[in-house]
Amino acid sequence: MIKVTDCDMMLVAGTDEVTLDSGLLPIAAQGSCWNSVDMDAAEVWGRFDDRLRVREKLVFRAIDRACGRVFSSQ
């Protein structure tokens, strides 16, 4: 599992189990992300499982799947 606490952007193009609290999280169409994620903004094209908390802008595109708890201030 990856734990990231400070980055401007993390692009998920493969499969990542991540605990993340940072800026922008784009999940590519072929990407898959699961675990605990707290972000300023997220753009999801691929798959997300578990807990996603977005403080500002959350966008779901042609999403494969989203499961779990999703929170957004929008």
Protein backbone atom coordinates (compact mmCIF):
# COMPACT_ATOMS: atom_id res chain seq x y z
CA MET A 1 0.00 0.00 0.00
CA ILE A 2 1.16 3.53 -0.82
CA LYS A 3 0.72 6.41 1.65
CA VAL A 4 1.08 9.93 0.21
CA THR A 5 0.50 13.00 2.37
CA ASP A 6 1.79 15.85 0.20
CA CYS A 7 1.69 16.12 -3.59
CA ASP A 8 0.09 18.46 -6.12
CA MET A 9 -1.21 15.70 -8.41
CA MET A 10 -1.14 11.90 -8.49
CA LEU A 11 -2.19 10.16 -11.72
CA VAL A 12 -3.46 6.58 -11.32
CA ALA A 13 -2.97 4.74 -14.61
CA GLY A 14 -2.51 1.24 -13.20
CA THR A 15 -3.80 -0.39 -10.03
CA ASP A 16 -2.95 1.32 -6.73
CA GLU A 17 -3.96 0.68 -3.14
CA VAL A 18 -3.37 4.11 -1.68
CA THR A 19 -3.95 6.29 1.38
CA LEU A 20 -3.79 9.79 -0.04
CA ASP A 21 -4.40 13.34 1.20
CA SER A 22 -3.40 15.88 -1.39
CA GLY A 23 -4.33 18.10 -4.35
CA LEU A 24 -5.63 16.54 -7.58
CA LEU A 25 -6.35 12.86 -8.32
CA PRO A 26 -7.10 11.91 -11.93
CA ILE A 27 -7.86 8.19 -12.32
CA ALA A 28 -7.30 7.17 -15.94
CA ALA A 29 -9.78 4.97 -17.85
CA GLN A 30 -7.55 1.92 -17.37
CA GLY A 31 -6.74 2.93 -13.76
CA SER A 32 -8.08 1.43 -10.56
CA CYS A 33 -7.72 2.95 -7.10
CA TRP A 34 -8.89 1.70 -3.72
CA ASN A 35 -8.50 2.58 -0.04
CA SER A 36 -8.80 5.96 1.69
CA VAL A 37 -8.46 9.10 -0.43
CA ASP A 38 -8.90 12.76 0.65
CA MET A 39 -8.40 15.23 -2.19
CA ASP A 40 -8.99 18.85 -3.16
CA ALA A 41 -10.26 17.68 -6.58
CA ALA A 42 -10.76 14.33 -8.32
CA GLU A 43 -11.54 13.33 -11.90
CA VAL A 44 -12.50 9.66 -12.18
CA TRP A 45 -12.48 7.88 -15.55
CA GLY A 46 -11.64 4.40 -14.26
CA ARG A 47 -12.54 2.44 -11.13
CA PHE A 48 -12.64 3.52 -7.49
CA ASP A 49 -13.41 1.36 -4.43
CA ASP A 50 -13.65 2.29 -0.71
CA ARG A 51 -13.66 5.91 0.58
CA LEU A 52 -13.25 9.06 -1.53
CA ARG A 53 -13.58 12.48 0.16
CA VAL A 54 -13.26 15.54 -2.13
CA ARG A 55 -13.00 19.02 -0.63
CA GLU A 56 -13.69 21.00 -3.83
CA LYS A 57 -14.43 19.56 -7.30
CA LEU A 58 -15.45 15.95 -8.02
CA VAL A 59 -16.05 14.81 -11.62
CA PHE A 60 -17.08 11.31 -12.75
CA ARG A 61 -16.49 10.76 -16.46
CA ALA A 62 -17.13 7.54 -18.44
CA ILE A 63 -16.56 5.63 -15.22
CA ASP A 64 -16.00 1.91 -15.05
CA ARG A 65 -17.16 1.55 -11.43
CA ALA A 66 -17.34 3.44 -8.11
CA CYS A 67 -18.06 1.54 -4.90
CA GLY A 68 -17.93 2.52 -1.27
CA ARG A 69 -18.44 5.92 0.31
CA VAL A 70 -18.06 9.10 -1.75
CA PHE A 71 -18.22 12.52 -0.09
CA SER A 72 -18.04 15.91 -1.82
CA SER A 73 -18.57 19.48 -0.64
CA GLN A 74 -20.19 20.37 -4.00
